Amino acid sequence: MNKLILSLSVAFLSLLLVSCSGQEGTAENIGKEIDQSIDSGKKAVNEVIEKVSEKIEEIESAFEGPAEQAGKEVDEAVENAAEEVEEASDTLEEKIEEAGDTLEEKVDSADSSK
């Protein structure tokens, strides 16, 4: 039994030393080439994505100008209209109060003249 364990240990250690010898095999070289081609492919794809993104931003900014300006003008018109409605409401409220005061004065003067 000891001879079997010893011979298996020697075989395992020799396989371990051979596999860790530092020499690159064909599979390792192919693996490195595959890794390099994948990395270069990723770089190419990233460059294309970046260029497409830049073009999209250029197109968006070209259309954003007039639309943005129109939106600002609409916002400004709505604000102006709201201010005018508020002013008209205040003026109407004042006129109603004045009319009520005048009506009360007329009623009071009509009551006192009786």
PDB file of N, CA and C in Angstrom:
ATOM      1  N   MET A   1       0.828  -1.189   0.000  1.00  0.00           N
ATOM      2  CA  MET A   1       0.000   0.000   0.000  1.00  0.00           C
ATOM      3  C   MET A   1       0.866   1.243   0.000  1.00  0.00           C
ATOM      4  N   ASN A   2       1.955   1.227   0.795  1.00  0.00           N
ATOM      5  CA  ASN A   2       2.847   2.374   0.850  1.00  0.00           C
ATOM      6  C   ASN A   2       3.535   2.598  -0.496  1.00  0.00           C
ATOM      7  N   LYS A   3       3.860   1.493  -1.190  1.00  0.00           N
ATOM      8  CA  LYS A   3       4.497   1.623  -2.504  1.00  0.00           C
ATOM      9  C   LYS A   3       3.532   2.243  -3.504  1.00  0.00           C
ATOM     10  N   LEU A   4       2.261   1.890  -3.390  1.00  0.00           N
ATOM     11  CA  LEU A   4       1.251   2.445  -4.291  1.00  0.00           C
ATOM     12  C   LEU A   4       1.085   3.946  -4.056  1.00  0.00           C
ATOM     13  N   ILE A   5       0.993   4.344  -2.803  1.00  0.00           N
ATOM     14  CA  ILE A   5       0.851   5.766  -2.479  1.00  0.00           C
ATOM     15  C   ILE A   5       2.099   6.522  -2.913  1.00  0.00           C
ATOM     16  N   LEU A   6       3.264   5.935  -2.686  1.00  0.00           N
ATOM     17  CA  LEU A   6       4.508   6.572  -3.079  1.00  0.00           C
ATOM     18  C   LEU A   6       4.597   6.736  -4.588  1.00  0.00           C
ATOM     19  N   SER A   7       4.243   5.704  -5.335  1.00  0.00           N
ATOM     20  CA  SER A   7       4.323   5.798  -6.798  1.00  0.00           C
ATOM     21  C   SER A   7       3.275   6.770  -7.341  1.00  0.00           C
ATOM     22  N   LEU A   8       2.083   6.804  -6.754  1.00  0.00           N
ATOM     23  CA  LEU A   8       1.065   7.775  -7.199  1.00  0.00           C
ATOM     24  C   LEU A   8       1.514   9.195  -6.870  1.00  0.00           C
ATOM     25  N   SER A   9       2.128   9.388  -5.726  1.00  0.00           N
ATOM     26  CA  SER A   9       2.617  10.715  -5.354  1.00  0.00           C
ATOM     27  C   SER A   9       3.710  11.176  -6.291  1.00  0.00           C
ATOM     28  N   VAL A  10       4.626  10.283  -6.651  1.00  0.00           N
ATOM     29  CA  VAL A  10       5.708  10.622  -7.581  1.00  0.00           C
ATOM     30  C   VAL A  10       5.120  10.965  -8.952  1.00  0.00           C
ATOM     31  N   ALA A  11       4.157  10.180  -9.407  1.00  0.00           N
ATOM     32  CA  ALA A  11       3.535  10.444 -10.704  1.00  0.00           C
ATOM     33  C   ALA A  11       2.815  11.793 -10.686  1.00  0.00           C
ATOM     34  N   PHE A  12       2.098  12.062  -9.612  1.00  0.00           N
ATOM     35  CA  PHE A  12       1.383  13.329  -9.496  1.00  0.00           C
ATOM     36  C   PHE A  12       2.342  14.507  -9.469  1.00  0.00           C
ATOM     37  N   LEU A  13       3.420  14.390  -8.701  1.00  0.00           N
ATOM     38  CA  LEU A  13       4.401  15.468  -8.623  1.00  0.00           C
ATOM     39  C   LEU A  13       5.096  15.695  -9.953  1.00  0.00           C
ATOM     40  N   SER A  14       5.403  14.613 -10.683  1.00  0.00           N
ATOM     41  CA  SER A  14       6.040  14.800 -11.986  1.00  0.00           C
ATOM     42  C   SER A  14       5.087  15.467 -12.964  1.00  0.00           C
ATOM     43  N   LEU A  15       3.798  15.119 -12.938  1.00  0.00           N
ATOM     44  CA  LEU A  15       2.833  15.786 -13.804  1.00  0.00           C
ATOM     45  C   LEU A  15       2.700  17.259 -13.417  1.00  0.00           C
ATOM     46  N   LEU A  16       2.712  17.513 -12.138  1.00  0.00           N
ATOM     47  CA  LEU A  16       2.614  18.878 -11.654  1.00  0.00           C
ATOM     48  C   LEU A  16       3.813  19.705 -12.103  1.00  0.00           C
ATOM     49  N   LEU A  17       5.007  19.139 -12.012  1.00  0.00           N
ATOM     50  CA  LEU A  17       6.208  19.849 -12.442  1.00  0.00           C
ATOM     51  C   LEU A  17       6.218  20.077 -13.944  1.00  0.00           C
ATOM     52  N   VAL A  18       5.757  19.116 -14.709  1.00  0.00           N
ATOM     53  CA  VAL A  18       5.725  19.272 -16.167  1.00  0.00           C
ATOM     54  C   VAL A  18       4.716  20.345 -16.558  1.00  0.00           C
ATOM     55  N   SER A  19       3.572  20.366 -15.909  1.00  0.00           N
ATOM     56  CA  SER A  19       2.551  21.346 -16.281  1.00  0.00           C
ATOM     57  C   SER A  19       2.932  22.750 -15.844  1.00  0.00           C
ATOM     58  N   CYS A  20       3.742  22.882 -14.829  1.00  0.00           N
ATOM     59  CA  CYS A  20       4.156  24.194 -14.338  1.00  0.00           C
ATOM     60  C   CYS A  20       5.556  24.556 -14.813  1.00  0.00           C
ATOM     61  N   SER A  21       6.011  23.965 -15.877  1.00  0.00           N
ATOM     62  CA  SER A  21       7.388  24.179 -16.317  1.00  0.00           C
ATOM     63  C   SER A  21       7.613  25.564 -16.898  1.00  0.00           C
ATOM     64  N   GLY A  22       6.558  26.322 -17.189  1.00  0.00           N
ATOM     65  CA  GLY A  22       6.712  27.672 -17.697  1.00  0.00           C
ATOM     66  C   GLY A  22       6.700  27.739 -19.216  1.00  0.00           C
ATOM     67  N   GLN A  23       6.781  26.619 -19.875  1.00  0.00           N
ATOM     68  CA  GLN A  23       6.720  26.639 -21.332  1.00  0.00           C
ATOM     69  C   GLN A  23       5.268  26.733 -21.761  1.00  0.00           C
ATOM     70  N   GLU A  24       5.031  27.614 -22.733  1.00  0.00           N
ATOM     71  CA  GLU A  24       3.676  27.786 -23.219  1.00  0.00           C
ATOM     72  C   GLU A  24       3.410  26.758 -24.308  1.00  0.00           C
ATOM     73  N   GLY A  25       2.279  26.136 -24.202  1.00  0.00           N
ATOM     74  CA  GLY A  25       1.898  25.153 -25.196  1.00  0.00           C
ATOM     75  C   GLY A  25       1.089  25.791 -26.301  1.00  0.00           C
ATOM     76  N   THR A  26       0.713  24.972 -27.244  1.00  0.00           N
ATOM     77  CA  THR A  26      -0.069  25.447 -28.391  1.00  0.00           C
ATOM     78  C   THR A  26      -1.418  25.995 -27.940  1.00  0.00           C
ATOM     79  N   ALA A  27      -2.069  25.304 -27.022  1.00  0.00           N
ATOM     80  CA  ALA A  27      -3.381  25.749 -26.547  1.00  0.00           C
ATOM     81  C   ALA A  27      -3.268  27.094 -25.835  1.00  0.00           C
ATOM     82  N   GLU A  28      -2.184  27.265 -25.087  1.00  0.00           N
ATOM     83  CA  GLU A  28      -2.001  28.528 -24.382  1.00  0.00           C
ATOM     84  C   GLU A  28      -1.772  29.674 -25.369  1.00  0.00           C
ATOM     85  N   ASN A  29      -0.993  29.420 -26.411  1.00  0.00           N
ATOM     86  CA  ASN A  29      -0.757  30.437 -27.442  1.00  0.00           C
ATOM     87  C   ASN A  29      -2.048  30.782 -28.170  1.00  0.00           C
ATOM     88  N   ILE A  30      -2.826  29.769 -28.496  1.00  0.00           N
ATOM     89  CA  ILE A  30      -4.113  30.015 -29.175  1.00  0.00           C
ATOM     90  C   ILE A  30      -5.032  30.807 -28.258  1.00  0.00           C
ATOM     91  N   GLY A  31      -5.025  30.459 -26.965  1.00  0.00           N
ATOM     92  CA  GLY A  31      -5.855  31.197 -26.005  1.00  0.00           C
ATOM     93  C   GLY A  31      -5.470  32.657 -25.925  1.00  0.00           C
ATOM     94  N   LYS A  32      -4.169  32.937 -25.949  1.00  0.00           N
ATOM     95  CA  LYS A  32      -3.715  34.335 -25.912  1.00  0.00           C
ATOM     96  C   LYS A  32      -4.131  35.075 -27.173  1.00  0.00           C
ATOM     97  N   GLU A  33      -4.024  34.412 -28.320  1.00  0.00           N
ATOM     98  CA  GLU A  33      -4.437  35.047 -29.579  1.00  0.00           C
ATOM     99  C   GLU A  33      -5.935  35.340 -29.572  1.00  0.00           C
ATOM    100  N   ILE A  34      -6.698  34.405 -29.027  1.00  0.00           N
ATOM    101  CA  ILE A  34      -8.150  34.624 -28.937  1.00  0.00           C
ATOM    102  C   ILE A  34      -8.436  35.808 -28.025  1.00  0.00           C
ATOM    103  N   ASP A  35      -7.755  35.868 -26.880  1.00  0.00           N
ATOM    104  CA  ASP A  35      -7.945  37.000 -25.960  1.00  0.00           C
ATOM    105  C   ASP A  35      -7.605  38.326 -26.629  1.00  0.00           C
ATOM    106  N   GLN A  36      -6.508  38.353 -27.391  1.00  0.00           N
ATOM    107  CA  GLN A  36      -6.107  39.579 -28.079  1.00  0.00           C
ATOM    108  C   GLN A  36      -7.136  39.980 -29.123  1.00  0.00           C
ATOM    109  N   SER A  37      -7.640  39.007 -29.870  1.00  0.00           N
ATOM    110  CA  SER A  37      -8.625  39.345 -30.903  1.00  0.00           C
ATOM    111  C   SER A  37      -9.931  39.810 -30.269  1.00  0.00           C
ATOM    112  N   ILE A  38     -10.296  39.224 -29.139  1.00  0.00           N
ATOM    113  CA  ILE A  38     -11.510  39.675 -28.440  1.00  0.00           C
ATOM    114  C   ILE A  38     -11.318  41.099 -27.937  1.00  0.00           C
ATOM    115  N   ASP A  39     -10.146  41.386 -27.362  1.00  0.00           N
ATOM    116  CA  ASP A  39      -9.873  42.744 -26.873  1.00  0.00           C
ATOM    117  C   ASP A  39      -9.896  43.760 -28.002  1.00  0.00           C
ATOM    118  N   SER A  40      -9.291  43.416 -29.137  1.00  0.00           N
ATOM    119  CA  SER A  40      -9.292  44.361 -30.254  1.00  0.00           C
ATOM    120  C   SER A  40     -10.703  44.527 -30.817  1.00  0.00           C
ATOM    121  N   GLY A  41     -11.475  43.446 -30.809  1.00  0.00           N
ATOM    122  CA  GLY A  41     -12.870  43.540 -31.249  1.00  0.00           C
ATOM    123  C   GLY A  41     -13.681  44.435 -30.332  1.00  0.00           C
ATOM    124  N   LYS A  42     -13.451  44.305 -29.021  1.00  0.00           N
ATOM    125  CA  LYS A  42     -14.154  45.161 -28.055  1.00  0.00           C
ATOM    126  C   LYS A  42     -13.799  46.625 -28.278  1.00  0.00           C
ATOM    127  N   LYS A  43     -12.507  46.887 -28.524  1.00  0.00           N
ATOM    128  CA  LYS A  43     -12.082  48.268 -28.756  1.00  0.00           C
ATOM    129  C   LYS A  43     -12.759  48.828 -29.996  1.00  0.00           C
ATOM    130  N   ALA A  44     -12.816  48.016 -31.060  1.00  0.00           N
ATOM    131  CA  ALA A  44     -13.441  48.483 -32.297  1.00  0.00           C
ATOM    132  C   ALA A  44     -14.921  48.773 -32.083  1.00  0.00           C
ATOM    133  N   VAL A  45     -15.599  47.871 -31.386  1.00  0.00           N
ATOM    134  CA  VAL A  45     -17.027  48.069 -31.123  1.00  0.00           C
ATOM    135  C   VAL A  45     -17.238  49.311 -30.265  1.00  0.00           C
ATOM    136  N   ASN A  46     -16.402  49.500 -29.241  1.00  0.00           N
ATOM    137  CA  ASN A  46     -16.532  50.685 -28.394  1.00  0.00           C
ATOM    138  C   ASN A  46     -16.302  51.974 -29.170  1.00  0.00           C
ATOM    139  N   GLU A  47     -15.355  51.958 -30.099  1.00  0.00           N
ATOM    140  CA  GLU A  47     -15.115  53.146 -30.925  1.00  0.00           C
ATOM    141  C   GLU A  47     -16.321  53.446 -31.799  1.00  0.00           C
ATOM    142  N   VAL A  48     -16.914  52.411 -32.385  1.00  0.00           N
ATOM    143  CA  VAL A  48     -18.096  52.607 -33.233  1.00  0.00           C
ATOM    144  C   VAL A  48     -19.252  53.140 -32.389  1.00  0.00           C
ATOM    145  N   ILE A  49     -19.433  52.578 -31.204  1.00  0.00           N
ATOM    146  CA  ILE A  49     -20.519  53.040 -30.332  1.00  0.00           C
ATOM    147  C   ILE A  49     -20.301  54.500 -29.957  1.00  0.00           C
ATOM    148  N   GLU A  50     -19.072  54.865 -29.671  1.00  0.00           N
ATOM    149  CA  GLU A  50     -18.772  56.249 -29.308  1.00  0.00           C
ATOM    150  C   GLU A  50     -19.065  57.198 -30.464  1.00  0.00           C
ATOM    151  N   LYS A  51     -18.661  56.801 -31.685  1.00  0.00           N
ATOM    152  CA  LYS A  51     -18.927  57.657 -32.853  1.00  0.00           C
ATOM    153  C   LYS A  51     -20.418  57.791 -33.107  1.00  0.00           C
ATOM    154  N   VAL A  52     -21.155  56.696 -32.972  1.00  0.00           N
ATOM    155  CA  VAL A  52     -22.605  56.741 -33.186  1.00  0.00           C
ATOM    156  C   VAL A  52     -23.256  57.628 -32.127  1.00  0.00           C
ATOM    157  N   SER A  53     -22.800  57.522 -30.890  1.00  0.00           N
ATOM    158  CA  SER A  53     -23.345  58.360 -29.818  1.00  0.00           C
ATOM    159  C   SER A  53     -23.105  59.836 -30.096  1.00  0.00           C
ATOM    160  N   GLU A  54     -21.922  60.155 -30.579  1.00  0.00           N
ATOM    161  CA  GLU A  54     -21.616  61.552 -30.916  1.00  0.00           C
ATOM    162  C   GLU A  54     -22.537  62.053 -32.020  1.00  0.00           C
ATOM    163  N   LYS A  55     -22.758  61.228 -33.037  1.00  0.00           N
ATOM    164  CA  LYS A  55     -23.643  61.629 -34.142  1.00  0.00           C
ATOM    165  C   LYS A  55     -25.072  61.831 -33.645  1.00  0.00           C
ATOM    166  N   ILE A  56     -25.514  60.945 -32.759  1.00  0.00           N
ATOM    167  CA  ILE A  56     -26.867  61.083 -32.219  1.00  0.00           C
ATOM    168  C   ILE A  56     -26.990  62.383 -31.439  1.00  0.00           C
ATOM    169  N   GLU A  57     -25.981  62.699 -30.645  1.00  0.00           N
ATOM    170  CA  GLU A  57     -26.008  63.951 -29.887  1.00  0.00           C
ATOM    171  C   GLU A  57     -26.026  65.160 -30.817  1.00  0.00           C
ATOM    172  N   GLU A  58     -25.266  65.086 -31.912  1.00  0.00           N
ATOM    173  CA  GLU A  58     -25.276  66.192 -32.876  1.00  0.00           C
ATOM    174  C   GLU A  58     -26.659  66.370 -33.487  1.00  0.00           C
ATOM    175  N   ILE A  59     -27.286  65.267 -33.844  1.00  0.00           N
ATOM    176  CA  ILE A  59     -28.620  65.330 -34.452  1.00  0.00           C
ATOM    177  C   ILE A  59     -29.628  65.878 -33.434  1.00  0.00           C
ATOM    178  N   GLU A  60     -29.540  65.397 -32.187  1.00  0.00           N
ATOM    179  CA  GLU A  60     -30.461  65.887 -31.161  1.00  0.00           C
ATOM    180  C   GLU A  60     -30.285  67.376 -30.918  1.00  0.00           C
ATOM    181  N   SER A  61     -29.056  67.843 -30.885  1.00  0.00           N
ATOM    182  CA  SER A  61     -28.830  69.265 -30.634  1.00  0.00           C
ATOM    183  C   SER A  61     -29.307  70.107 -31.807  1.00  0.00           C
ATOM    184  N   ALA A  62     -29.233  69.556 -33.022  1.00  0.00           N
ATOM    185  CA  ALA A  62     -29.718  70.294 -34.189  1.00  0.00           C
ATOM    186  C   ALA A  62     -31.225  70.493 -34.110  1.00  0.00           C
ATOM    187  N   PHE A  63     -31.942  69.492 -33.631  1.00  0.00           N
ATOM    188  CA  PHE A  63     -33.390  69.606 -33.523  1.00  0.00           C
ATOM    189  C   PHE A  63     -33.821  70.259 -32.219  1.00  0.00           C
ATOM    190  N   GLU A  64     -32.952  70.270 -31.243  1.00  0.00           N
ATOM    191  CA  GLU A  64     -33.304  70.802 -29.935  1.00  0.00           C
ATOM    192  C   GLU A  64     -33.426  72.313 -29.967  1.00  0.00           C
ATOM    193  N   GLY A  65     -32.668  72.991 -30.779  1.00  0.00           N
ATOM    194  CA  GLY A  65     -32.664  74.452 -30.811  1.00  0.00           C
ATOM    195  C   GLY A  65     -34.031  75.051 -31.064  1.00  0.00           C
ATOM    196  N   PRO A  66     -34.633  74.820 -32.225  1.00  0.00           N
ATOM    197  CA  PRO A  66     -35.944  75.417 -32.509  1.00  0.00           C
ATOM    198  C   PRO A  66     -37.039  74.926 -31.559  1.00  0.00           C
ATOM    199  N   ALA A  67     -37.015  73.657 -31.226  1.00  0.00           N
ATOM    200  CA  ALA A  67     -38.042  73.120 -30.334  1.00  0.00           C
ATOM    201  C   ALA A  67     -37.900  73.721 -28.940  1.00  0.00           C
ATOM    202  N   GLU A  68     -36.668  73.824 -28.486  1.00  0.00           N
ATOM    203  CA  GLU A  68     -36.408  74.421 -27.173  1.00  0.00           C
ATOM    204  C   GLU A  68     -36.895  75.873 -27.145  1.00  0.00           C
ATOM    205  N   GLN A  69     -36.606  76.620 -28.204  1.00  0.00           N
ATOM    206  CA  GLN A  69     -37.018  78.025 -28.285  1.00  0.00           C
ATOM    207  C   GLN A  69     -38.542  78.132 -28.300  1.00  0.00           C
ATOM    208  N   ALA A  70     -39.194  77.266 -29.069  1.00  0.00           N
ATOM    209  CA  ALA A  70     -40.656  77.297 -29.114  1.00  0.00           C
ATOM    210  C   ALA A  70     -41.240  76.972 -27.747  1.00  0.00           C
ATOM    211  N   GLY A  71     -40.636  76.011 -27.045  1.00  0.00           N
ATOM    212  CA  GLY A  71     -41.107  75.671 -25.702  1.00  0.00           C
ATOM    213  C   GLY A  71     -40.973  76.839 -24.746  1.00  0.00           C
ATOM    214  N   LYS A  72     -39.860  77.547 -24.839  1.00  0.00           N
ATOM    215  CA  LYS A  72     -39.665  78.717 -23.972  1.00  0.00           C
ATOM    216  C   LYS A  72     -40.702  79.791 -24.270  1.00  0.00           C
ATOM    217  N   GLU A  73     -40.986  80.005 -25.549  1.00  0.00           N
ATOM    218  CA  GLU A  73     -41.975  81.013 -25.924  1.00  0.00           C
ATOM    219  C   GLU A  73     -43.364  80.633 -25.423  1.00  0.00           C
ATOM    220  N   VAL A  74     -43.700  79.354 -25.502  1.00  0.00           N
ATOM    221  CA  VAL A  74     -45.000  78.902 -25.002  1.00  0.00           C
ATOM    222  C   VAL A  74     -45.068  79.111 -23.499  1.00  0.00           C
ATOM    223  N   ASP A  75     -43.992  78.739 -22.790  1.00  0.00           N
ATOM    224  CA  ASP A  75     -43.962  78.937 -21.336  1.00  0.00           C
ATOM    225  C   ASP A  75     -44.133  80.405 -20.977  1.00  0.00           C
ATOM    226  N   GLU A  76     -43.449  81.269 -21.704  1.00  0.00           N
ATOM    227  CA  GLU A  76     -43.536  82.704 -21.446  1.00  0.00           C
ATOM    228  C   GLU A  76     -44.950  83.221 -21.708  1.00  0.00           C
ATOM    229  N   ALA A  77     -45.562  82.757 -22.793  1.00  0.00           N
ATOM    230  CA  ALA A  77     -46.929  83.190 -23.113  1.00  0.00           C
ATOM    231  C   ALA A  77     -47.910  82.732 -22.046  1.00  0.00           C
ATOM    232  N   VAL A  78     -47.731  81.518 -21.543  1.00  0.00           N
ATOM    233  CA  VAL A  78     -48.617  81.017 -20.490  1.00  0.00           C
ATOM    234  C   VAL A  78     -48.444  81.839 -19.217  1.00  0.00           C
ATOM    235  N   GLU A  79     -47.195  82.155 -18.879  1.00  0.00           N
ATOM    236  CA  GLU A  79     -46.947  82.966 -17.686  1.00  0.00           C
ATOM    237  C   GLU A  79     -47.580  84.350 -17.829  1.00  0.00           C
ATOM    238  N   ASN A  80     -47.413  84.967 -19.007  1.00  0.00           N
ATOM    239  CA  ASN A  80     -48.006  86.286 -19.236  1.00  0.00           C
ATOM    240  C   ASN A  80     -49.525  86.231 -19.147  1.00  0.00           C
ATOM    241  N   ALA A  81     -50.113  85.196 -19.717  1.00  0.00           N
ATOM    242  CA  ALA A  81     -51.570  85.056 -19.673  1.00  0.00           C
ATOM    243  C   ALA A  81     -52.046  84.875 -18.237  1.00  0.00           C
ATOM    244  N   ALA A  82     -51.308  84.093 -17.457  1.00  0.00           N
ATOM    245  CA  ALA A  82     -51.682  83.884 -16.054  1.00  0.00           C
ATOM    246  C   ALA A  82     -51.598  85.188 -15.268  1.00  0.00           C
ATOM    247  N   GLU A  83     -50.573  85.981 -15.537  1.00  0.00           N
ATOM    248  CA  GLU A  83     -50.443  87.268 -14.856  1.00  0.00           C
ATOM    249  C   GLU A  83     -51.592  88.200 -15.225  1.00  0.00           C
ATOM    250  N   GLU A  84     -51.951  88.229 -16.515  1.00  0.00           N
ATOM    251  CA  GLU A  84     -53.045  89.091 -16.956  1.00  0.00           C
ATOM    252  C   GLU A  84     -54.375  88.654 -16.359  1.00  0.00           C
ATOM    253  N   VAL A  85     -54.600  87.349 -16.269  1.00  0.00           N
ATOM    254  CA  VAL A  85     -55.840  86.853 -15.662  1.00  0.00           C
ATOM    255  C   VAL A  85     -55.880  87.235 -14.191  1.00  0.00           C
ATOM    256  N   GLU A  86     -54.753  87.125 -13.508  1.00  0.00           N
ATOM    257  CA  GLU A  86     -54.698  87.497 -12.096  1.00  0.00           C
ATOM    258  C   GLU A  86     -54.967  88.991 -11.907  1.00  0.00           C
ATOM    259  N   GLU A  87     -54.388  89.827 -12.781  1.00  0.00           N
ATOM    260  CA  GLU A  87     -54.622  91.266 -12.702  1.00  0.00           C
ATOM    261  C   GLU A  87     -56.091  91.594 -12.973  1.00  0.00           C
ATOM    262  N   ALA A  88     -56.662  90.923 -13.966  1.00  0.00           N
ATOM    263  CA  ALA A  88     -58.074  91.165 -14.283  1.00  0.00           C
ATOM    264  C   ALA A  88     -58.954  90.725 -13.125  1.00  0.00           C
ATOM    265  N   SER A  89     -58.608  89.640 -12.481  1.00  0.00           N
ATOM    266  CA  SER A  89     -59.372  89.162 -11.331  1.00  0.00           C
ATOM    267  C   SER A  89     -59.294  90.157 -10.183  1.00  0.00           C
ATOM    268  N   ASP A  90     -58.097  90.691  -9.932  1.00  0.00           N
ATOM    269  CA  ASP A  90     -57.940  91.693  -8.872  1.00  0.00           C
ATOM    270  C   ASP A  90     -58.754  92.946  -9.180  1.00  0.00           C
ATOM    271  N   THR A  91     -58.696  93.394 -10.425  1.00  0.00           N
ATOM    272  CA  THR A  91     -59.453  94.588 -10.832  1.00  0.00           C
ATOM    273  C   THR A  91     -60.953  94.344 -10.695  1.00  0.00           C
ATOM    274  N   LEU A  92     -61.404  93.175 -11.113  1.00  0.00           N
ATOM    275  CA  LEU A  92     -62.819  92.838 -11.009  1.00  0.00           C
ATOM    276  C   LEU A  92     -63.257  92.803  -9.548  1.00  0.00           C
ATOM    277  N   GLU A  93     -62.425  92.249  -8.686  1.00  0.00           N
ATOM    278  CA  GLU A  93     -62.736  92.192  -7.256  1.00  0.00           C
ATOM    279  C   GLU A  93     -62.859  93.606  -6.676  1.00  0.00           C
ATOM    280  N   GLU A  94     -61.953  94.481  -7.080  1.00  0.00           N
ATOM    281  CA  GLU A  94     -62.014  95.870  -6.605  1.00  0.00           C
ATOM    282  C   GLU A  94     -63.291  96.557  -7.075  1.00  0.00           C
ATOM    283  N   LYS A  95     -63.641  96.331  -8.348  1.00  0.00           N
ATOM    284  CA  LYS A  95     -64.857  96.959  -8.899  1.00  0.00           C
ATOM    285  C   LYS A  95     -66.105  96.442  -8.180  1.00  0.00           C
ATOM    286  N   ILE A  96     -66.108  95.143  -7.872  1.00  0.00           N
ATOM    287  CA  ILE A  96     -67.268  94.582  -7.174  1.00  0.00           C
ATOM    288  C   ILE A  96     -67.382  95.189  -5.776  1.00  0.00           C
ATOM    289  N   GLU A  97     -66.233  95.338  -5.086  1.00  0.00           N
ATOM    290  CA  GLU A  97     -66.253  95.954  -3.754  1.00  0.00           C
ATOM    291  C   GLU A  97     -66.734  97.398  -3.832  1.00  0.00           C
ATOM    292  N   GLU A  98     -66.260  98.140  -4.848  1.00  0.00           N
ATOM    293  CA  GLU A  98     -66.683  99.537  -5.014  1.00  0.00           C
ATOM    294  C   GLU A  98     -68.180  99.616  -5.288  1.00  0.00           C
ATOM    295  N   ALA A  99     -68.665  98.710  -6.137  1.00  0.00           N
ATOM    296  CA  ALA A  99     -70.105  98.716  -6.461  1.00  0.00           C
ATOM    297  C   ALA A  99     -70.922  98.375  -5.223  1.00  0.00           C
ATOM    298  N   GLY A 100     -70.403  97.420  -4.416  1.00  0.00           N
ATOM    299  CA  GLY A 100     -71.110  97.066  -3.172  1.00  0.00           C
ATOM    300  C   GLY A 100     -71.138  98.232  -2.205  1.00  0.00           C
ATOM    301  N   ASP A 101     -69.997  98.935  -2.080  1.00  0.00           N
ATOM    302  CA  ASP A 101     -69.947 100.099  -1.191  1.00  0.00           C
ATOM    303  C   ASP A 101     -70.907 101.182  -1.665  1.00  0.00           C
ATOM    304  N   THR A 102     -70.922 101.438  -2.960  1.00  0.00           N
ATOM    305  CA  THR A 102     -71.809 102.459  -3.522  1.00  0.00           C
ATOM    306  C   THR A 102     -73.260 102.077  -3.287  1.00  0.00           C
ATOM    307  N   LEU A 103     -73.574 100.814  -3.477  1.00  0.00           N
ATOM    308  CA  LEU A 103     -74.943 100.344  -3.276  1.00  0.00           C
ATOM    309  C   LEU A 103     -75.346 100.502  -1.809  1.00  0.00           C
ATOM    310  N   GLU A 104     -74.442 100.195  -0.888  1.00  0.00           N
ATOM    311  CA  GLU A 104     -74.740 100.353   0.539  1.00  0.00           C
ATOM    312  C   GLU A 104     -74.968 101.824   0.887  1.00  0.00           C
ATOM    313  N   GLU A 105     -74.152 102.705   0.291  1.00  0.00           N
ATOM    314  CA  GLU A 105     -74.317 104.131   0.550  1.00  0.00           C
ATOM    315  C   GLU A 105     -75.674 104.617   0.054  1.00  0.00           C
ATOM    316  N   LYS A 106     -76.074 104.158  -1.107  1.00  0.00           N
ATOM    317  CA  LYS A 106     -77.362 104.575  -1.670  1.00  0.00           C
ATOM    318  C   LYS A 106     -78.516 104.050  -0.817  1.00  0.00           C
ATOM    319  N   VAL A 107     -78.370 102.811  -0.346  1.00  0.00           N
ATOM    320  CA  VAL A 107     -79.431 102.248   0.500  1.00  0.00           C
ATOM    321  C   VAL A 107     -79.497 103.022   1.811  1.00  0.00           C
ATOM    322  N   ASP A 108     -78.335 103.329   2.392  1.00  0.00           N
ATOM    323  CA  ASP A 108     -78.289 104.078   3.656  1.00  0.00           C
ATOM    324  C   ASP A 108     -78.893 105.480   3.464  1.00  0.00           C
ATOM    325  N   SER A 109     -78.542 106.141   2.362  1.00  0.00           N
ATOM    326  CA  SER A 109     -79.074 107.492   2.135  1.00  0.00           C
ATOM    327  C   SER A 109     -80.555 107.437   1.847  1.00  0.00           C
ATOM    328  N   ALA A 110     -81.037 106.384   1.200  1.00  0.00           N
ATOM    329  CA  ALA A 110     -82.473 106.272   0.934  1.00  0.00           C
ATOM    330  C   ALA A 110     -83.211 105.999   2.230  1.00  0.00           C
ATOM    331  N   ASP A 111     -82.635 105.216   3.122  1.00  0.00           N
ATOM    332  CA  ASP A 111     -83.266 104.932   4.415  1.00  0.00           C
ATOM    333  C   ASP A 111     -83.291 106.188   5.288  1.00  0.00           C
ATOM    334  N   SER A 112     -82.253 106.968   5.281  1.00  0.00           N
ATOM    335  CA  SER A 112     -82.199 108.146   6.148  1.00  0.00           C
ATOM    336  C   SER A 112     -83.067 109.279   5.595  1.00  0.00           C
ATOM    337  N   SER A 113     -83.361 109.314   4.335  1.00  0.00           N
ATOM    338  CA  SER A 113     -84.219 110.358   3.800  1.00  0.00           C
ATOM    339  C   SER A 113     -85.695 110.062   4.042  1.00  0.00           C
ATOM    340  N   LYS A 114     -86.032 108.941   4.472  1.00  0.00           N
ATOM    341  CA  LYS A 114     -87.445 108.603   4.742  1.00  0.00           C
ATOM    342  C   LYS A 114     -87.834 109.147   6.013  1.00  0.00           C
TER     343      LYS A 114
END
